[in-house]
Every structure is written in C-alpha cells, then in structure tokens.
C-alpha cells in the first residue's frame, strides 16, 4: 500500500448512497408475506422465571405465533462457545457456558430474551409483548467482576461452585530473574471493562441483530440478508422443521414466509429474490 491513510480524510465508499437516500436498511426491506419478530426481554439482571403466560398475545389479531423456551422443545440448546481454552497449556480451569436462545428457568443477564412474537407487522409484534404475563422472582445480582469472585457472591450458574469463567497461567522466560536485575520495576493495575470480546478491540458500536429471509422452492434456494448472529431464528426454524416432519409434511430448509426482527436499523446489502 503506497497511499497514506493515517491522519487523512478518507472518502468512504458508502457515503453517496447514504447521503442521497439510496441506502437500503433492514427496515426498508418489504418481501411479500414478510412477518416481523419482537422479543420480550428481562428487566432484571438475575431472576428466577416462575411462569410465563403468552395466551393473550397469541389471541391478538395479526399475531402468527408466540414462542417460549418450552415451545422450542429439543431445539432449545445453548449456542456454540465463543472462546475455547488454549490446547497447549496445562492445568487450565475453563467453564464453558454459552448464551441460550430463550430463558428457561433463570435469567442470567439484563435484557435476556424471554419470548419472541411473530406477527404481520412490527407494530403488532411489539404491542403483543404487552400481552405477555411474566412472573419473575428477582435475585441478587453482581455487577462487579471482583465482587463476583467472592465466596458468598450470588451464582450466575447454579451448577458451578463460583462465578469463575476461566483461569490459566501462561509464562515465558524467567520473570524473577529479570526483576532482580532490573534497575526500575513499575507496577500497574489494569482493569478491562467487561464488554463482549469483539467490542474490546473495535472502536465501533455493536450492530443491531437484524435479518430478513425468504424461502423459495428448489432449485432457487433461499436468500438471506444478515448482519450478525441470529441463533434464536435458527432454533425456531429447527422447531418448524421438526413439527413438519412429525406431521408427515415435506421438510423445508427455511420457513415458507420471511421473517425480520423488529426495530431493525443495520445497513443491509440485499437483493430482491422475487
């Protein structure tokens, strides 16, 4: 690369379509028959789920379906791990606990999804969230990393003895000998803010989770526009496929109607498949 970039005003490739109103956002996509999703999220960072009643939401006109963790059956599974322990280091303490698609029994972080509503419009989907009755038992929450490691701290995962996620020591060289020979030793305490790992090295806001999709008969396959992870929808599609198989209906790789999460804002590069 011969062009100097640091300290220069660099023209972005996307500026013309953004400034002239030609950019396509997820909220601009309108596929015939498209449905919209809205998530009911927990107001508590730590709570026990006593009960959830979605019967009223299912009766609201325009609502196609309302799903909880119980509705997902065997498709309810924790997602894949984002980090794995280093295979070359011995004596590693590592507890793999990953995000689940919908809350079952216990809320473990603020905003964790309790249920998802699928409706004919995003407005109906969001209104239906108010119809869902949830009984949550608030539990003590720990919002400080060091306090979370105290012996009497509330446990995020009840099957573990502590909130320790991982512990390992990686050494190279002889620190003790280097310290003894040094003319000056500087000690500093460094605290890393507990944000998702991909936000630690990127000076950008986290993207919104938005994904319109459309199913078409073979051999045209399916068209997806995706911003980031959509694990909940993947699981719901598995539920749909399992129900079709149980009823003796032909399987589908994707649902017959497109789905897009509500409140979409992420810029999308998408081609109309119809």
Foldseek 3Di string as FASTA:
>chain_A
DPDDDPPDDDDDPCVVCVVVVNFDFLVNDDDVQEKAKEFDFDQAQKWFWPDKDLVQLCPDPFWDDKDFLVLLPPLWDFDDAPDDDDPVFPPKDADGDHQTLADDGMHNGGGGTGMMIIGSDLVSRVVSSVVMDTDIGHDDDDDDPVQQADQPHDESDPVDNGNDHIDGDDDDDDPVVVVVPDPDDDDDDDDDDDDPPVCRPDPDDDFDWKKKKAQDDPPLGIFIKTDDDDSNQVSVQVSVQVVCVVVVHDGGPGDHHIYIYPPTDDGTDGDDPD
